[in-house]
Amino acid sequence: MRGIEKYDNLKEVMPNLMPVLRDAIQSEFLEIKKIDKECKKFIATCEKFPDLKKAEYVIFSQHIKKNEHKYERFVFIDEQGNTIRHISGAEMELYGLLGSCTNLHVSEEYVEKQIYCHDGECRH
């Protein structure tokens, strides 16, 4: 939804997040999820990419088709929004190692607009 920010505290929670990533998350072009750091899959991935131990979140596109997954790029960031590493979909899969960002607050304006929207199309 144009002009409406999804999270009203994203800038405060992740002050170092690149503006282009922040805008893409707010417009729902990209998705942000919390990493389950206790997940065996994540622990194994850290053996291959040790710097991921510093990552708290991953930013990705929820619009990529499964058959195009290998072309996708994941952006791993720390708790302040600093980029830790980019990893391609050919190098790993995110399935099974993500959770909700419970520290991000969905704005009231966003929630209110969702009431009037269906399948991405708003009814006015």
PDB file of N, CA and C in Angstrom:
ATOM      1  N   MET A   1       0.850  -1.175   0.000  1.00  0.00           N
ATOM      2  CA  MET A   1       0.000   0.000   0.000  1.00  0.00           C
ATOM      3  C   MET A   1       0.890   1.231   0.000  1.00  0.00           C
ATOM      4  N   ARG A   2       0.776   1.993  -1.006  1.00  0.00           N
ATOM      5  CA  ARG A   2       1.626   3.167  -1.187  1.00  0.00           C
ATOM      6  C   ARG A   2       1.400   4.195  -0.083  1.00  0.00           C
ATOM      7  N   GLY A   3       2.515   4.740   0.417  1.00  0.00           N
ATOM      8  CA  GLY A   3       2.444   5.823   1.387  1.00  0.00           C
ATOM      9  C   GLY A   3       2.195   5.403   2.817  1.00  0.00           C
ATOM     10  N   ILE A   4       1.912   4.163   3.048  1.00  0.00           N
ATOM     11  CA  ILE A   4       1.644   3.689   4.402  1.00  0.00           C
ATOM     12  C   ILE A   4       2.793   2.796   4.840  1.00  0.00           C
ATOM     13  N   GLU A   5       3.385   3.146   5.985  1.00  0.00           N
ATOM     14  CA  GLU A   5       4.469   2.317   6.511  1.00  0.00           C
ATOM     15  C   GLU A   5       3.886   1.158   7.293  1.00  0.00           C
ATOM     16  N   LYS A   6       4.403  -0.017   7.026  1.00  0.00           N
ATOM     17  CA  LYS A   6       3.918  -1.222   7.711  1.00  0.00           C
ATOM     18  C   LYS A   6       4.322  -1.213   9.176  1.00  0.00           C
ATOM     19  N   TYR A   7       5.588  -0.883   9.452  1.00  0.00           N
ATOM     20  CA  TYR A   7       6.097  -0.894  10.825  1.00  0.00           C
ATOM     21  C   TYR A   7       6.379   0.529  11.279  1.00  0.00           C
ATOM     22  N   ASP A   8       5.766   0.940  12.386  1.00  0.00           N
ATOM     23  CA  ASP A   8       5.972   2.314  12.839  1.00  0.00           C
ATOM     24  C   ASP A   8       7.226   2.495  13.687  1.00  0.00           C
ATOM     25  N   ASN A   9       7.934   1.405  13.993  1.00  0.00           N
ATOM     26  CA  ASN A   9       9.151   1.527  14.800  1.00  0.00           C
ATOM     27  C   ASN A   9      10.388   0.931  14.127  1.00  0.00           C
ATOM     28  N   LEU A  10      10.324   0.661  12.844  1.00  0.00           N
ATOM     29  CA  LEU A  10      11.442   0.026  12.139  1.00  0.00           C
ATOM     30  C   LEU A  10      12.709   0.867  12.221  1.00  0.00           C
ATOM     31  N   LYS A  11      12.588   2.160  12.029  1.00  0.00           N
ATOM     32  CA  LYS A  11      13.752   3.050  12.046  1.00  0.00           C
ATOM     33  C   LYS A  11      14.395   3.083  13.434  1.00  0.00           C
ATOM     34  N   GLU A  12      13.585   3.033  14.480  1.00  0.00           N
ATOM     35  CA  GLU A  12      14.114   3.049  15.854  1.00  0.00           C
ATOM     36  C   GLU A  12      14.759   1.718  16.224  1.00  0.00           C
ATOM     37  N   VAL A  13      14.141   0.616  15.824  1.00  0.00           N
ATOM     38  CA  VAL A  13      14.659  -0.714  16.161  1.00  0.00           C
ATOM     39  C   VAL A  13      15.938  -1.019  15.391  1.00  0.00           C
ATOM     40  N   MET A  14      15.986  -0.618  14.122  1.00  0.00           N
ATOM     41  CA  MET A  14      17.144  -0.889  13.262  1.00  0.00           C
ATOM     42  C   MET A  14      17.654   0.410  12.653  1.00  0.00           C
ATOM     43  N   PRO A  15      18.301   1.255  13.460  1.00  0.00           N
ATOM     44  CA  PRO A  15      18.717   2.582  12.994  1.00  0.00           C
ATOM     45  C   PRO A  15      19.756   2.561  11.873  1.00  0.00           C
ATOM     46  N   ASN A  16      20.500   1.488  11.719  1.00  0.00           N
ATOM     47  CA  ASN A  16      21.548   1.434  10.700  1.00  0.00           C
ATOM     48  C   ASN A  16      21.110   0.724   9.412  1.00  0.00           C
ATOM     49  N   LEU A  17      19.849   0.380   9.330  1.00  0.00           N
ATOM     50  CA  LEU A  17      19.336  -0.292   8.133  1.00  0.00           C
ATOM     51  C   LEU A  17      19.395   0.670   6.945  1.00  0.00           C
ATOM     52  N   MET A  18      19.921   0.186   5.829  1.00  0.00           N
ATOM     53  CA  MET A  18      20.026   1.021   4.628  1.00  0.00           C
ATOM     54  C   MET A  18      18.630   1.510   4.225  1.00  0.00           C
ATOM     55  N   PRO A  19      18.504   2.799   3.888  1.00  0.00           N
ATOM     56  CA  PRO A  19      17.189   3.351   3.530  1.00  0.00           C
ATOM     57  C   PRO A  19      16.475   2.581   2.419  1.00  0.00           C
ATOM     58  N   VAL A  20      17.200   2.100   1.436  1.00  0.00           N
ATOM     59  CA  VAL A  20      16.558   1.360   0.342  1.00  0.00           C
ATOM     60  C   VAL A  20      15.932   0.064   0.864  1.00  0.00           C
ATOM     61  N   LEU A  21      16.582  -0.593   1.816  1.00  0.00           N
ATOM     62  CA  LEU A  21      16.004  -1.813   2.402  1.00  0.00           C
ATOM     63  C   LEU A  21      14.826  -1.468   3.300  1.00  0.00           C
ATOM     64  N   ARG A  22      14.961  -0.396   4.088  1.00  0.00           N
ATOM     65  CA  ARG A  22      13.866   0.034   4.961  1.00  0.00           C
ATOM     66  C   ARG A  22      12.625   0.356   4.123  1.00  0.00           C
ATOM     67  N   ASP A  23      12.797   1.105   3.038  1.00  0.00           N
ATOM     68  CA  ASP A  23      11.660   1.460   2.179  1.00  0.00           C
ATOM     69  C   ASP A  23      11.034   0.229   1.530  1.00  0.00           C
ATOM     70  N   ALA A  24      11.869  -0.721   1.119  1.00  0.00           N
ATOM     71  CA  ALA A  24      11.353  -1.948   0.487  1.00  0.00           C
ATOM     72  C   ALA A  24      10.569  -2.798   1.482  1.00  0.00           C
ATOM     73  N   ILE A  25      10.994  -2.812   2.736  1.00  0.00           N
ATOM     74  CA  ILE A  25      10.265  -3.550   3.781  1.00  0.00           C
ATOM     75  C   ILE A  25       8.946  -2.836   4.077  1.00  0.00           C
ATOM     76  N   GLN A  26       9.008  -1.519   4.223  1.00  0.00           N
ATOM     77  CA  GLN A  26       7.806  -0.749   4.557  1.00  0.00           C
ATOM     78  C   GLN A  26       6.749  -0.855   3.459  1.00  0.00           C
ATOM     79  N   SER A  27       7.178  -0.959   2.218  1.00  0.00           N
ATOM     80  CA  SER A  27       6.229  -1.059   1.104  1.00  0.00           C
ATOM     81  C   SER A  27       5.844  -2.500   0.787  1.00  0.00           C
ATOM     82  N   GLU A  28       6.390  -3.438   1.539  1.00  0.00           N
ATOM     83  CA  GLU A  28       6.147  -4.871   1.386  1.00  0.00           C
ATOM     84  C   GLU A  28       6.712  -5.443   0.095  1.00  0.00           C
ATOM     85  N   PHE A  29       7.660  -4.746  -0.510  1.00  0.00           N
ATOM     86  CA  PHE A  29       8.369  -5.293  -1.660  1.00  0.00           C
ATOM     87  C   PHE A  29       9.309  -6.396  -1.180  1.00  0.00           C
ATOM     88  N   LEU A  30       9.908  -6.187   0.011  1.00  0.00           N
ATOM     89  CA  LEU A  30      10.740  -7.199   0.660  1.00  0.00           C
ATOM     90  C   LEU A  30      10.164  -7.518   2.029  1.00  0.00           C
ATOM     91  N   GLU A  31      10.527  -8.666   2.541  1.00  0.00           N
ATOM     92  CA  GLU A  31      10.062  -9.160   3.836  1.00  0.00           C
ATOM     93  C   GLU A  31      11.256  -9.256   4.777  1.00  0.00           C
ATOM     94  N   ILE A  32      11.019  -9.036   6.057  1.00  0.00           N
ATOM     95  CA  ILE A  32      12.058  -9.230   7.070  1.00  0.00           C
ATOM     96  C   ILE A  32      11.561 -10.248   8.084  1.00  0.00           C
ATOM     97  N   LYS A  33      12.443 -11.170   8.459  1.00  0.00           N
ATOM     98  CA  LYS A  33      12.106 -12.193   9.444  1.00  0.00           C
ATOM     99  C   LYS A  33      13.264 -12.359  10.423  1.00  0.00           C
ATOM    100  N   LYS A  34      12.932 -12.783  11.611  1.00  0.00           N
ATOM    101  CA  LYS A  34      13.910 -13.087  12.653  1.00  0.00           C
ATOM    102  C   LYS A  34      14.475 -14.473  12.390  1.00  0.00           C
ATOM    103  N   ILE A  35      15.762 -14.623  12.620  1.00  0.00           N
ATOM    104  CA  ILE A  35      16.418 -15.921  12.435  1.00  0.00           C
ATOM    105  C   ILE A  35      16.298 -16.732  13.716  1.00  0.00           C
ATOM    106  N   ASP A  36      15.930 -17.984  13.593  1.00  0.00           N
ATOM    107  CA  ASP A  36      15.924 -18.914  14.718  1.00  0.00           C
ATOM    108  C   ASP A  36      17.351 -19.430  14.872  1.00  0.00           C
ATOM    109  N   LYS A  37      18.103 -18.813  15.776  1.00  0.00           N
ATOM    110  CA  LYS A  37      19.518 -19.122  15.921  1.00  0.00           C
ATOM    111  C   LYS A  37      19.775 -20.472  16.589  1.00  0.00           C
ATOM    112  N   GLU A  38      18.723 -21.079  17.144  1.00  0.00           N
ATOM    113  CA  GLU A  38      18.846 -22.401  17.766  1.00  0.00           C
ATOM    114  C   GLU A  38      18.574 -23.521  16.763  1.00  0.00           C
ATOM    115  N   CYS A  39      18.094 -23.152  15.608  1.00  0.00           N
ATOM    116  CA  CYS A  39      17.750 -24.108  14.564  1.00  0.00           C
ATOM    117  C   CYS A  39      19.011 -24.832  14.068  1.00  0.00           C
ATOM    118  N   LYS A  40      18.934 -26.145  13.949  1.00  0.00           N
ATOM    119  CA  LYS A  40      20.083 -26.940  13.492  1.00  0.00           C
ATOM    120  C   LYS A  40      20.532 -26.509  12.096  1.00  0.00           C
ATOM    121  N   LYS A  41      19.587 -26.161  11.268  1.00  0.00           N
ATOM    122  CA  LYS A  41      19.902 -25.725   9.911  1.00  0.00           C
ATOM    123  C   LYS A  41      20.736 -24.436   9.937  1.00  0.00           C
ATOM    124  N   PHE A  42      20.374 -23.508  10.817  1.00  0.00           N
ATOM    125  CA  PHE A  42      21.130 -22.263  10.915  1.00  0.00           C
ATOM    126  C   PHE A  42      22.524 -22.525  11.483  1.00  0.00           C
ATOM    127  N   ILE A  43      22.612 -23.352  12.483  1.00  0.00           N
ATOM    128  CA  ILE A  43      23.911 -23.692  13.083  1.00  0.00           C
ATOM    129  C   ILE A  43      24.828 -24.309  12.025  1.00  0.00           C
ATOM    130  N   ALA A  44      24.281 -25.190  11.209  1.00  0.00           N
ATOM    131  CA  ALA A  44      25.070 -25.809  10.139  1.00  0.00           C
ATOM    132  C   ALA A  44      25.483 -24.773   9.091  1.00  0.00           C
ATOM    133  N   THR A  45      24.598 -23.841   8.793  1.00  0.00           N
ATOM    134  CA  THR A  45      24.911 -22.794   7.823  1.00  0.00           C
ATOM    135  C   THR A  45      26.038 -21.902   8.340  1.00  0.00           C
ATOM    136  N   CYS A  46      26.085 -21.681   9.641  1.00  0.00           N
ATOM    137  CA  CYS A  46      27.139 -20.858  10.245  1.00  0.00           C
ATOM    138  C   CYS A  46      28.515 -21.513  10.125  1.00  0.00           C
ATOM    139  N   GLU A  47      28.550 -22.829   9.977  1.00  0.00           N
ATOM    140  CA  GLU A  47      29.832 -23.497   9.759  1.00  0.00           C
ATOM    141  C   GLU A  47      30.397 -23.118   8.401  1.00  0.00           C
ATOM    142  N   LYS A  48      29.532 -22.953   7.424  1.00  0.00           N
ATOM    143  CA  LYS A  48      29.943 -22.566   6.078  1.00  0.00           C
ATOM    144  C   LYS A  48      30.183 -21.053   5.980  1.00  0.00           C
ATOM    145  N   PHE A  49      29.359 -20.263   6.695  1.00  0.00           N
ATOM    146  CA  PHE A  49      29.440 -18.803   6.693  1.00  0.00           C
ATOM    147  C   PHE A  49      29.524 -18.315   8.146  1.00  0.00           C
ATOM    148  N   PRO A  50      30.695 -18.357   8.775  1.00  0.00           N
ATOM    149  CA  PRO A  50      30.831 -18.032  10.199  1.00  0.00           C
ATOM    150  C   PRO A  50      30.339 -16.638  10.595  1.00  0.00           C
ATOM    151  N   ASP A  51      30.419 -15.673   9.693  1.00  0.00           N
ATOM    152  CA  ASP A  51      29.986 -14.319  10.038  1.00  0.00           C
ATOM    153  C   ASP A  51      28.472 -14.224  10.263  1.00  0.00           C
ATOM    154  N   LEU A  52      27.722 -15.242   9.842  1.00  0.00           N
ATOM    155  CA  LEU A  52      26.267 -15.236  10.069  1.00  0.00           C
ATOM    156  C   LEU A  52      25.909 -15.336  11.548  1.00  0.00           C
ATOM    157  N   LYS A  53      26.845 -15.744  12.379  1.00  0.00           N
ATOM    158  CA  LYS A  53      26.571 -15.813  13.824  1.00  0.00           C
ATOM    159  C   LYS A  53      26.166 -14.455  14.366  1.00  0.00           C
ATOM    160  N   LYS A  54      26.595 -13.376  13.707  1.00  0.00           N
ATOM    161  CA  LYS A  54      26.262 -12.012  14.134  1.00  0.00           C
ATOM    162  C   LYS A  54      24.898 -11.565  13.612  1.00  0.00           C
ATOM    163  N   ALA A  55      24.321 -12.302  12.691  1.00  0.00           N
ATOM    164  CA  ALA A  55      23.040 -11.914  12.079  1.00  0.00           C
ATOM    165  C   ALA A  55      21.869 -12.234  13.007  1.00  0.00           C
ATOM    166  N   GLU A  56      20.894 -11.349  12.999  1.00  0.00           N
ATOM    167  CA  GLU A  56      19.663 -11.542  13.768  1.00  0.00           C
ATOM    168  C   GLU A  56      18.440 -11.675  12.864  1.00  0.00           C
ATOM    169  N   TYR A  57      18.519 -11.061  11.683  1.00  0.00           N
ATOM    170  CA  TYR A  57      17.386 -11.007  10.758  1.00  0.00           C
ATOM    171  C   TYR A  57      17.859 -11.307   9.347  1.00  0.00           C
ATOM    172  N   VAL A  58      16.887 -11.656   8.498  1.00  0.00           N
ATOM    173  CA  VAL A  58      17.165 -11.813   7.072  1.00  0.00           C
ATOM    174  C   VAL A  58      16.073 -11.092   6.293  1.00  0.00           C
ATOM    175  N   ILE A  59      16.499 -10.425   5.231  1.00  0.00           N
ATOM    176  CA  ILE A  59      15.586  -9.704   4.348  1.00  0.00           C
ATOM    177  C   ILE A  59      15.582 -10.438   3.012  1.00  0.00           C
ATOM    178  N   PHE A  60      14.387 -10.671   2.484  1.00  0.00           N
ATOM    179  CA  PHE A  60      14.248 -11.456   1.263  1.00  0.00           C
ATOM    180  C   PHE A  60      12.954 -11.079   0.559  1.00  0.00           C
ATOM    181  N   SER A  61      12.774 -11.589  -0.641  1.00  0.00           N
ATOM    182  CA  SER A  61      11.542 -11.353  -1.382  1.00  0.00           C
ATOM    183  C   SER A  61      10.595 -12.531  -1.183  1.00  0.00           C
ATOM    184  N   GLN A  62       9.397 -12.225  -0.746  1.00  0.00           N
ATOM    185  CA  GLN A  62       8.382 -13.270  -0.609  1.00  0.00           C
ATOM    186  C   GLN A  62       7.681 -13.530  -1.931  1.00  0.00           C
ATOM    187  N   HIS A  63       8.062 -12.777  -2.978  1.00  0.00           N
ATOM    188  CA  HIS A  63       7.400 -12.886  -4.275  1.00  0.00           C
ATOM    189  C   HIS A  63       8.151 -13.769  -5.270  1.00  0.00           C
ATOM    190  N   ILE A  64       9.295 -14.295  -4.888  1.00  0.00           N
ATOM    191  CA  ILE A  64      10.092 -15.141  -5.788  1.00  0.00           C
ATOM    192  C   ILE A  64       9.420 -16.507  -5.922  1.00  0.00           C
ATOM    193  N   LYS A  65       9.271 -16.964  -7.143  1.00  0.00           N
ATOM    194  CA  LYS A  65       8.705 -18.295  -7.384  1.00  0.00           C
ATOM    195  C   LYS A  65       9.724 -19.351  -6.978  1.00  0.00           C
ATOM    196  N   LYS A  66       9.238 -20.488  -6.528  1.00  0.00           N
ATOM    197  CA  LYS A  66      10.118 -21.551  -6.054  1.00  0.00           C
ATOM    198  C   LYS A  66      11.137 -21.973  -7.120  1.00  0.00           C
ATOM    199  N   ASN A  67      10.726 -22.029  -8.376  1.00  0.00           N
ATOM    200  CA  ASN A  67      11.651 -22.462  -9.432  1.00  0.00           C
ATOM    201  C   ASN A  67      12.699 -21.392  -9.765  1.00  0.00           C
ATOM    202  N   GLU A  68      12.552 -20.183  -9.230  1.00  0.00           N
ATOM    203  CA  GLU A  68      13.530 -19.116  -9.446  1.00  0.00           C
ATOM    204  C   GLU A  68      14.326 -18.815  -8.177  1.00  0.00           C
ATOM    205  N   HIS A  69      14.142 -19.641  -7.165  1.00  0.00           N
ATOM    206  CA  HIS A  69      14.770 -19.444  -5.860  1.00  0.00           C
ATOM    207  C   HIS A  69      16.291 -19.307  -5.946  1.00  0.00           C
ATOM    208  N   LYS A  70      16.929 -20.032  -6.849  1.00  0.00           N
ATOM    209  CA  LYS A  70      18.387 -20.002  -6.936  1.00  0.00           C
ATOM    210  C   LYS A  70      18.928 -18.638  -7.355  1.00  0.00           C
ATOM    211  N   TYR A  71      18.074 -17.773  -7.912  1.00  0.00           N
ATOM    212  CA  TYR A  71      18.488 -16.439  -8.334  1.00  0.00           C
ATOM    213  C   TYR A  71      18.262 -15.377  -7.250  1.00  0.00           C
ATOM    214  N   GLU A  72      17.616 -15.771  -6.178  1.00  0.00           N
ATOM    215  CA  GLU A  72      17.289 -14.841  -5.103  1.00  0.00           C
ATOM    216  C   GLU A  72      18.531 -14.481  -4.290  1.00  0.00           C
ATOM    217  N   ARG A  73      18.517 -13.289  -3.669  1.00  0.00           N
ATOM    218  CA  ARG A  73      19.587 -12.853  -2.775  1.00  0.00           C
ATOM    219  C   ARG A  73      18.982 -12.577  -1.411  1.00  0.00           C
ATOM    220  N   PHE A  74      19.611 -13.100  -0.365  1.00  0.00           N
ATOM    221  CA  PHE A  74      19.180 -12.859   1.004  1.00  0.00           C
ATOM    222  C   PHE A  74      20.149 -11.869   1.635  1.00  0.00           C
ATOM    223  N   VAL A  75      19.614 -10.918   2.396  1.00  0.00           N
ATOM    224  CA  VAL A  75      20.441  -9.948   3.093  1.00  0.00           C
ATOM    225  C   VAL A  75      20.333 -10.250   4.581  1.00  0.00           C
ATOM    226  N   PHE A  76      21.420 -10.669   5.174  1.00  0.00           N
ATOM    227  CA  PHE A  76      21.467 -10.958   6.599  1.00  0.00           C
ATOM    228  C   PHE A  76      21.957  -9.713   7.328  1.00  0.00           C
ATOM    229  N   ILE A  77      21.216  -9.296   8.356  1.00  0.00           N
ATOM    230  CA  ILE A  77      21.557  -8.087   9.097  1.00  0.00           C
ATOM    231  C   ILE A  77      21.621  -8.369  10.593  1.00  0.00           C
ATOM    232  N   ASP A  78      22.348  -7.495  11.316  1.00  0.00           N
ATOM    233  CA  ASP A  78      22.421  -7.636  12.765  1.00  0.00           C
ATOM    234  C   ASP A  78      21.261  -6.896  13.426  1.00  0.00           C
ATOM    235  N   GLU A  79      21.261  -6.823  14.763  1.00  0.00           N
ATOM    236  CA  GLU A  79      20.136  -6.233  15.497  1.00  0.00           C
ATOM    237  C   GLU A  79      19.991  -4.735  15.272  1.00  0.00           C
ATOM    238  N   GLN A  80      21.033  -4.066  14.782  1.00  0.00           N
ATOM    239  CA  GLN A  80      20.975  -2.632  14.504  1.00  0.00           C
ATOM    240  C   GLN A  80      20.638  -2.325  13.040  1.00  0.00           C
ATOM    241  N   GLY A  81      20.618  -3.363  12.196  1.00  0.00           N
ATOM    242  CA  GLY A  81      20.324  -3.179  10.787  1.00  0.00           C
ATOM    243  C   GLY A  81      21.550  -3.143   9.898  1.00  0.00           C
ATOM    244  N   ASN A  82      22.729  -3.382  10.474  1.00  0.00           N
ATOM    245  CA  ASN A  82      23.960  -3.434   9.682  1.00  0.00           C
ATOM    246  C   ASN A  82      23.983  -4.704   8.842  1.00  0.00           C
ATOM    247  N   THR A  83      24.373  -4.580   7.583  1.00  0.00           N
ATOM    248  CA  THR A  83      24.447  -5.739   6.706  1.00  0.00           C
ATOM    249  C   THR A  83      25.637  -6.606   7.110  1.00  0.00           C
ATOM    250  N   ILE A  84      25.378  -7.890   7.334  1.00  0.00           N
ATOM    251  CA  ILE A  84      26.415  -8.857   7.684  1.00  0.00           C
ATOM    252  C   ILE A  84      26.911  -9.572   6.434  1.00  0.00           C
ATOM    253  N   ARG A  85      25.963 -10.038   5.607  1.00  0.00           N
ATOM    254  CA  ARG A  85      26.337 -10.812   4.425  1.00  0.00           C
ATOM    255  C   ARG A  85      25.150 -10.955   3.489  1.00  0.00           C
ATOM    256  N   HIS A  86      25.448 -11.058   2.204  1.00  0.00           N
ATOM    257  CA  HIS A  86      24.475 -11.438   1.182  1.00  0.00           C
ATOM    258  C   HIS A  86      24.750 -12.890   0.818  1.00  0.00           C
ATOM    259  N   ILE A  87      23.696 -13.680   0.706  1.00  0.00           N
ATOM    260  CA  ILE A  87      23.831 -15.079   0.299  1.00  0.00           C
ATOM    261  C   ILE A  87      22.773 -15.364  -0.756  1.00  0.00           C
ATOM    262  N   SER A  88      23.137 -16.111  -1.761  1.00  0.00           N
ATOM    263  CA  SER A  88      22.184 -16.416  -2.826  1.00  0.00           C
ATOM    264  C   SER A  88      21.323 -17.624  -2.465  1.00  0.00           C
ATOM    265  N   GLY A  89      20.195 -17.714  -3.141  1.00  0.00           N
ATOM    266  CA  GLY A  89      19.309 -18.859  -2.967  1.00  0.00           C
ATOM    267  C   GLY A  89      19.934 -20.147  -3.454  1.00  0.00           C
ATOM    268  N   ALA A  90      20.946 -20.052  -4.314  1.00  0.00           N
ATOM    269  CA  ALA A  90      21.662 -21.242  -4.772  1.00  0.00           C
ATOM    270  C   ALA A  90      22.544 -21.803  -3.669  1.00  0.00           C
ATOM    271  N   GLU A  91      22.953 -20.942  -2.721  1.00  0.00           N
ATOM    272  CA  GLU A  91      23.844 -21.368  -1.644  1.00  0.00           C
ATOM    273  C   GLU A  91      23.107 -21.896  -0.419  1.00  0.00           C
ATOM    274  N   MET A  92      21.855 -21.473  -0.239  1.00  0.00           N
ATOM    275  CA  MET A  92      21.094 -21.929   0.923  1.00  0.00           C
ATOM    276  C   MET A  92      19.611 -21.683   0.728  1.00  0.00           C
ATOM    277  N   GLU A  93      18.812 -22.302   1.581  1.00  0.00           N
ATOM    278  CA  GLU A  93      17.368 -22.081   1.618  1.00  0.00           C
ATOM    279  C   GLU A  93      17.007 -21.547   2.994  1.00  0.00           C
ATOM    280  N   LEU A  94      15.985 -20.733   3.060  1.00  0.00           N
ATOM    281  CA  LEU A  94      15.554 -20.157   4.328  1.00  0.00           C
ATOM    282  C   LEU A  94      14.499 -20.993   5.038  1.00  0.00           C
ATOM    283  N   TYR A  95      13.912 -21.928   4.314  1.00  0.00           N
ATOM    284  CA  TYR A  95      12.820 -22.714   4.887  1.00  0.00           C
ATOM    285  C   TYR A  95      13.236 -23.364   6.198  1.00  0.00           C
ATOM    286  N   GLY A  96      12.416 -23.143   7.232  1.00  0.00           N
ATOM    287  CA  GLY A  96      12.644 -23.801   8.513  1.00  0.00           C
ATOM    288  C   GLY A  96      13.523 -23.054   9.488  1.00  0.00           C
ATOM    289  N   LEU A  97      14.048 -21.884   9.122  1.00  0.00           N
ATOM    290  CA  LEU A  97      14.897 -21.189  10.091  1.00  0.00           C
ATOM    291  C   LEU A  97      14.463 -19.761  10.388  1.00  0.00           C
ATOM    292  N   LEU A  98      13.212 -19.434  10.085  1.00  0.00           N
ATOM    293  CA  LEU A  98      12.740 -18.072  10.303  1.00  0.00           C
ATOM    294  C   LEU A  98      11.559 -18.008  11.254  1.00  0.00           C
ATOM    295  N   GLY A  99      11.473 -16.877  11.946  1.00  0.00           N
ATOM    296  CA  GLY A  99      10.361 -16.613  12.842  1.00  0.00           C
ATOM    297  C   GLY A  99       9.896 -15.173  12.667  1.00  0.00           C
ATOM    298  N   SER A 100       8.890 -14.782  13.414  1.00  0.00           N
ATOM    299  CA  SER A 100       8.349 -13.429  13.333  1.00  0.00           C
ATOM    300  C   SER A 100       9.250 -12.426  14.041  1.00  0.00           C
ATOM    301  N   CYS A 101       9.200 -11.205  13.574  1.00  0.00           N
ATOM    302  CA  CYS A 101       9.919 -10.093  14.219  1.00  0.00           C
ATOM    303  C   CYS A 101       8.992  -9.501  15.277  1.00  0.00           C
ATOM    304  N   THR A 102       9.013 -10.059  16.461  1.00  0.00           N
ATOM    305  CA  THR A 102       8.088  -9.629  17.507  1.00  0.00           C
ATOM    306  C   THR A 102       8.396  -8.231  18.039  1.00  0.00           C
ATOM    307  N   ASN A 103       9.582  -7.720  17.756  1.00  0.00           N
ATOM    308  CA  ASN A 103       9.941  -6.384  18.230  1.00  0.00           C
ATOM    309  C   ASN A 103       9.504  -5.282  17.258  1.00  0.00           C
ATOM    310  N   LEU A 104       8.984  -5.641  16.095  1.00  0.00           N
ATOM    311  CA  LEU A 104       8.485  -4.656  15.149  1.00  0.00           C
ATOM    312  C   LEU A 104       6.980  -4.504  15.325  1.00  0.00           C
ATOM    313  N   HIS A 105       6.527  -3.260  15.404  1.00  0.00           N
ATOM    314  CA  HIS A 105       5.116  -2.961  15.645  1.00  0.00           C
ATOM    315  C   HIS A 105       4.439  -2.541  14.347  1.00  0.00           C
ATOM    316  N   VAL A 106       3.410  -3.278  13.969  1.00  0.00           N
ATOM    317  CA  VAL A 106       2.637  -2.956  12.772  1.00  0.00           C
ATOM    318  C   VAL A 106       1.822  -1.693  13.069  1.00  0.00           C
ATOM    319  N   SER A 107       1.918  -0.707  12.201  1.00  0.00           N
ATOM    320  CA  SER A 107       1.257   0.582  12.429  1.00  0.00           C
ATOM    321  C   SER A 107      -0.259   0.446  12.388  1.00  0.00           C
ATOM    322  N   GLU A 108      -0.923   1.302  13.158  1.00  0.00           N
ATOM    323  CA  GLU A 108      -2.386   1.302  13.189  1.00  0.00           C
ATOM    324  C   GLU A 108      -2.958   1.657  11.825  1.00  0.00           C
ATOM    325  N   GLU A 109      -2.307   2.585  11.137  1.00  0.00           N
ATOM    326  CA  GLU A 109      -2.760   2.987   9.798  1.00  0.00           C
ATOM    327  C   GLU A 109      -2.721   1.795   8.840  1.00  0.00           C
ATOM    328  N   TYR A 110      -1.665   0.981   8.943  1.00  0.00           N
ATOM    329  CA  TYR A 110      -1.532  -0.203   8.101  1.00  0.00           C
ATOM    330  C   TYR A 110      -2.657  -1.198   8.415  1.00  0.00           C
ATOM    331  N   VAL A 111      -2.887  -1.449   9.698  1.00  0.00           N
ATOM    332  CA  VAL A 111      -3.928  -2.390  10.125  1.00  0.00           C
ATOM    333  C   VAL A 111      -5.294  -1.909   9.640  1.00  0.00           C
ATOM    334  N   GLU A 112      -5.546  -0.610   9.796  1.00  0.00           N
ATOM    335  CA  GLU A 112      -6.821  -0.047   9.374  1.00  0.00           C
ATOM    336  C   GLU A 112      -7.036  -0.213   7.874  1.00  0.00           C
ATOM    337  N   LYS A 113      -6.001   0.026   7.083  1.00  0.00           N
ATOM    338  CA  LYS A 113      -6.117  -0.126   5.629  1.00  0.00           C
ATOM    339  C   LYS A 113      -6.321  -1.590   5.244  1.00  0.00           C
ATOM    340  N   GLN A 114      -5.757  -2.519   6.017  1.00  0.00           N
ATOM    341  CA  GLN A 114      -5.914  -3.946   5.726  1.00  0.00           C
ATOM    342  C   GLN A 114      -7.375  -4.372   5.822  1.00  0.00           C
ATOM    343  N   ILE A 115      -8.134  -3.721   6.671  1.00  0.00           N
ATOM    344  CA  ILE A 115      -9.554  -4.045   6.837  1.00  0.00           C
ATOM    345  C   ILE A 115     -10.301  -3.840   5.515  1.00  0.00           C
ATOM    346  N   TYR A 116      -9.851  -2.837   4.756  1.00  0.00           N
ATOM    347  CA  TYR A 116     -10.533  -2.487   3.516  1.00  0.00           C
ATOM    348  C   TYR A 116      -9.879  -3.083   2.278  1.00  0.00           C
ATOM    349  N   CYS A 117      -8.865  -3.876   2.477  1.00  0.00           N
ATOM    350  CA  CYS A 117      -8.144  -4.449   1.332  1.00  0.00           C
ATOM    351  C   CYS A 117      -8.348  -5.960   1.289  1.00  0.00           C
ATOM    352  N   HIS A 118      -8.315  -6.486   0.054  1.00  0.00           N
ATOM    353  CA  HIS A 118      -8.453  -7.908  -0.142  1.00  0.00           C
ATOM    354  C   HIS A 118      -7.585  -8.293  -1.337  1.00  0.00           C
ATOM    355  N   ASP A 119      -6.746  -9.303  -1.176  1.00  0.00           N
ATOM    356  CA  ASP A 119      -5.865  -9.773  -2.246  1.00  0.00           C
ATOM    357  C   ASP A 119      -5.014  -8.640  -2.842  1.00  0.00           C
ATOM    358  N   GLY A 120      -4.592  -7.693  -1.985  1.00  0.00           N
ATOM    359  CA  GLY A 120      -3.731  -6.628  -2.439  1.00  0.00           C
ATOM    360  C   GLY A 120      -4.446  -5.487  -3.141  1.00  0.00           C
ATOM    361  N   GLU A 121      -5.725  -5.609  -3.336  1.00  0.00           N
ATOM    362  CA  GLU A 121      -6.496  -4.551  -3.997  1.00  0.00           C
ATOM    363  C   GLU A 121      -7.399  -3.898  -2.958  1.00  0.00           C
ATOM    364  N   CYS A 122      -7.298  -2.588  -2.834  1.00  0.00           N
ATOM    365  CA  CYS A 122      -8.108  -1.877  -1.846  1.00  0.00           C
ATOM    366  C   CYS A 122      -9.482  -1.557  -2.403  1.00  0.00           C
ATOM    367  N   ARG A 123     -10.468  -1.716  -1.538  1.00  0.00           N
ATOM    368  CA  ARG A 123     -11.849  -1.339  -1.863  1.00  0.00           C
ATOM    369  C   ARG A 123     -12.153  -0.053  -1.114  1.00  0.00           C
ATOM    370  N   HIS A 124     -12.426   1.015  -1.811  1.00  0.00           N
ATOM    371  CA  HIS A 124     -12.692   2.297  -1.160  1.00  0.00           C
ATOM    372  C   HIS A 124     -14.161   2.598  -1.153  1.00  0.00           C
TER     373      HIS A 124
END
